Amino acid sequence: KNVQRATKVVASAFTKADPANEAVYEARAKAYDKRLAALAKWARKEIARIPRSDRKLATAHAAYTYFCKEFGFQSMPIQGLAREREASSQYLADVIADLKEHRVKAVFPEAQANPKVLQEMVRNTGARVGGVLFADFTGNAKATSYEAMFQHNVKTILAGLAP
């Protein structure tokens, strides 16, 4: 939904800078909005295969909060809020306890997160390290657009959490 809102903002800014092509910007924004709506519909259908009790998205950092809110997941950022910040040993101990308590099935590293830390954290929790998720386009050959990144993430989450 946020990308759909951003599309309208961008189209409006282009129109303000170039009023002569307002119809072009509006048409492209509407077409992209339809593609995004279809993508969200596809995601809802696919995610419905994951039982609500298993919709716990354990990732390295809190990069998927909007995704979790829109698609009914509990967000569990394992290493804190941002890549730049290292989590304390007490925070990590609490996260390990949470993973066990909530019976998290899989932990998903981000493309640029240190997978060794995640592997160590899940060693005794019963969870496994799932596929890599993309939070942005930085160095992602598989995610060359928002749509490709989103599809990759949904498919990866399904592979890790769907029965």
Protein backbone atom coordinates (compact mmCIF):
# COMPACT_ATOMS: atom_id res chain seq x y z
CA LYS A 1 0.00 0.00 0.00
CA ASN A 2 2.86 2.37 0.75
CA VAL A 3 4.34 1.84 -2.71
CA GLN A 4 0.95 2.54 -4.24
CA ARG A 5 0.78 5.81 -2.29
CA ALA A 6 4.33 6.67 -3.30
CA THR A 7 3.46 6.08 -6.95
CA LYS A 8 0.76 8.75 -6.73
CA VAL A 9 3.16 11.18 -5.03
CA VAL A 10 5.79 10.64 -7.72
CA ALA A 11 3.26 11.06 -10.54
CA SER A 12 2.04 14.28 -8.94
CA ALA A 13 5.61 15.61 -8.64
CA PHE A 14 6.33 14.79 -12.29
CA THR A 15 3.10 16.51 -13.31
CA LYS A 16 4.03 19.60 -11.31
CA ALA A 17 7.46 19.71 -12.99
CA ASP A 18 6.10 18.86 -16.45
CA PRO A 19 2.39 19.74 -16.70
CA ALA A 20 2.28 19.13 -20.44
CA ASN A 21 2.67 15.37 -19.86
CA GLU A 22 0.17 15.05 -17.01
CA ALA A 23 -1.90 12.45 -18.90
CA VAL A 24 1.17 10.26 -19.45
CA TYR A 25 2.18 10.35 -15.78
CA GLU A 26 -1.38 9.71 -14.64
CA ALA A 27 -1.82 6.78 -17.03
CA ARG A 28 1.46 5.18 -16.01
CA ALA A 29 0.68 5.63 -12.31
CA LYS A 30 -2.74 4.01 -12.77
CA ALA A 31 -1.23 1.10 -14.72
CA TYR A 32 1.42 0.56 -12.06
CA ASP A 33 -1.21 0.81 -9.32
CA LYS A 34 -3.14 -2.02 -11.02
CA ARG A 35 0.01 -4.17 -11.18
CA LEU A 36 0.69 -3.53 -7.50
CA ALA A 37 -2.92 -4.38 -6.58
CA ALA A 38 -2.65 -7.65 -8.52
CA LEU A 39 0.65 -8.40 -6.78
CA ALA A 40 -0.91 -7.83 -3.34
CA LYS A 41 -3.88 -10.04 -4.28
CA TRP A 42 -1.47 -12.81 -5.36
CA ALA A 43 0.49 -12.42 -2.10
CA ARG A 44 -2.65 -12.66 0.06
CA LYS A 45 -3.71 -15.84 -1.74
CA GLU A 46 -0.27 -17.42 -1.33
CA ILE A 47 0.19 -16.30 2.28
CA ALA A 48 -3.21 -17.80 3.16
CA ARG A 49 -1.44 -21.18 2.89
CA ILE A 50 0.55 -20.32 6.02
CA PRO A 51 -1.44 -20.99 9.21
CA ARG A 52 -1.95 -17.82 11.26
CA SER A 53 -0.15 -19.47 14.17
CA ASP A 54 2.98 -19.80 12.00
CA ARG A 55 2.97 -16.23 10.70
CA LYS A 56 5.99 -15.14 12.66
CA LEU A 57 8.52 -13.37 10.49
CA ALA A 58 11.86 -13.64 12.25
CA THR A 59 14.39 -11.56 10.31
CA ALA A 60 17.74 -10.02 11.08
CA HIS A 61 16.39 -6.48 11.41
CA ALA A 62 13.05 -4.68 11.52
CA ALA A 63 12.96 -4.09 7.78
CA TYR A 64 9.62 -5.83 7.15
CA THR A 65 7.28 -4.08 9.59
CA TYR A 66 4.94 -2.78 6.87
CA PHE A 67 4.86 -6.18 5.18
CA CYS A 68 4.03 -7.86 8.49
CA LYS A 69 1.26 -5.40 9.27
CA GLU A 70 -0.34 -5.71 5.83
CA PHE A 71 -0.16 -9.51 5.61
CA GLY A 72 -0.81 -10.55 9.22
CA PHE A 73 2.64 -11.55 10.44
CA GLN A 74 4.21 -10.98 13.83
CA SER A 75 7.50 -9.15 13.22
CA MET A 76 10.46 -10.56 15.14
CA PRO A 77 13.65 -8.56 14.42
CA ILE A 78 16.38 -10.77 15.82
CA GLN A 79 19.37 -8.46 15.70
CA GLY A 80 17.63 -5.21 16.55
CA LEU A 81 16.26 -2.34 14.55
CA ALA A 82 19.04 -1.54 12.09
CA ARG A 83 22.04 -3.16 10.42
CA GLU A 84 24.37 -0.53 11.86
CA ARG A 85 23.51 -1.40 15.45
CA GLU A 86 24.82 -4.53 17.13
CA ALA A 87 22.42 -6.26 19.50
CA SER A 88 23.53 -6.80 23.11
CA SER A 89 24.11 -10.29 24.47
CA GLN A 90 21.06 -9.87 26.75
CA TYR A 91 18.93 -8.90 23.74
CA LEU A 92 20.15 -11.98 21.86
CA ALA A 93 19.40 -14.23 24.85
CA ASP A 94 15.89 -12.77 25.02
CA VAL A 95 15.40 -13.36 21.29
CA ILE A 96 16.51 -16.99 21.57
CA ALA A 97 14.00 -17.45 24.39
CA ASP A 98 11.29 -15.80 22.24
CA LEU A 99 12.09 -18.06 19.27
CA LYS A 100 11.67 -21.10 21.51
CA GLU A 101 8.56 -19.81 23.25
CA HIS A 102 6.79 -18.86 20.02
CA ARG A 103 7.95 -22.01 18.21
CA VAL A 104 9.30 -20.05 15.28
CA LYS A 105 9.78 -22.37 12.30
CA ALA A 106 12.35 -20.35 10.35
CA VAL A 107 14.57 -17.31 10.63
CA PHE A 108 15.17 -15.34 7.44
CA PRO A 109 18.45 -13.51 6.93
CA GLU A 110 18.57 -10.36 4.85
CA ALA A 111 20.84 -10.22 1.83
CA GLN A 112 23.39 -8.09 3.68
CA ALA A 113 23.08 -9.54 7.18
CA ASN A 114 25.67 -11.82 8.75
CA PRO A 115 24.15 -15.33 8.44
CA LYS A 116 26.62 -16.79 10.97
CA VAL A 117 24.99 -14.83 13.81
CA LEU A 118 21.57 -16.11 12.79
CA GLN A 119 22.82 -19.68 12.45
CA GLU A 120 24.27 -19.50 15.94
CA MET A 121 21.04 -18.08 17.33
CA VAL A 122 18.83 -20.82 15.88
CA ARG A 123 21.12 -23.72 16.71
CA ASN A 124 19.17 -24.74 19.83
CA THR A 125 15.77 -23.22 19.12
CA GLY A 126 14.16 -25.72 16.77
CA ALA A 127 14.03 -23.11 14.03
CA ARG A 128 16.02 -23.30 10.82
CA VAL A 129 17.67 -20.63 8.71
CA GLY A 130 15.31 -19.91 5.82
CA GLY A 131 16.05 -18.30 2.50
CA VAL A 132 17.51 -14.84 2.12
CA LEU A 133 15.08 -11.91 2.00
CA PHE A 134 15.72 -8.59 0.27
CA ALA A 135 14.98 -5.35 2.09
CA ASP A 136 16.26 -3.15 -0.73
CA PHE A 137 17.81 -3.32 -4.18
CA THR A 138 21.45 -3.01 -3.06
CA GLY A 139 23.41 -5.63 -4.96
CA ASN A 140 20.39 -7.80 -5.70
CA ALA A 141 20.63 -9.52 -9.06
CA LYS A 142 17.38 -11.37 -8.29
CA ALA A 143 15.45 -8.26 -7.28
CA THR A 144 15.81 -5.73 -10.05
CA SER A 145 12.45 -4.07 -9.32
CA TYR A 146 10.10 -3.65 -6.41
CA GLU A 147 7.81 -6.28 -7.90
CA ALA A 148 10.63 -8.82 -8.33
CA MET A 149 11.87 -8.17 -4.79
CA PHE A 150 8.37 -8.56 -3.35
CA GLN A 151 7.69 -11.79 -5.27
CA HIS A 152 11.05 -13.23 -4.20
CA ASN A 153 10.35 -12.43 -0.55
CA VAL A 154 6.85 -13.91 -0.59
CA LYS A 155 8.07 -17.11 -2.27
CA THR A 156 10.97 -17.37 0.19
CA ILE A 157 8.69 -16.89 3.18
CA LEU A 158 6.30 -19.51 1.81
CA ALA A 159 9.13 -21.98 1.36
CA GLY A 160 10.14 -21.48 4.98
CA LEU A 161 6.75 -21.36 6.68
CA ALA A 162 4.04 -23.02 4.57
CA PRO A 163 3.17 -26.62 5.50
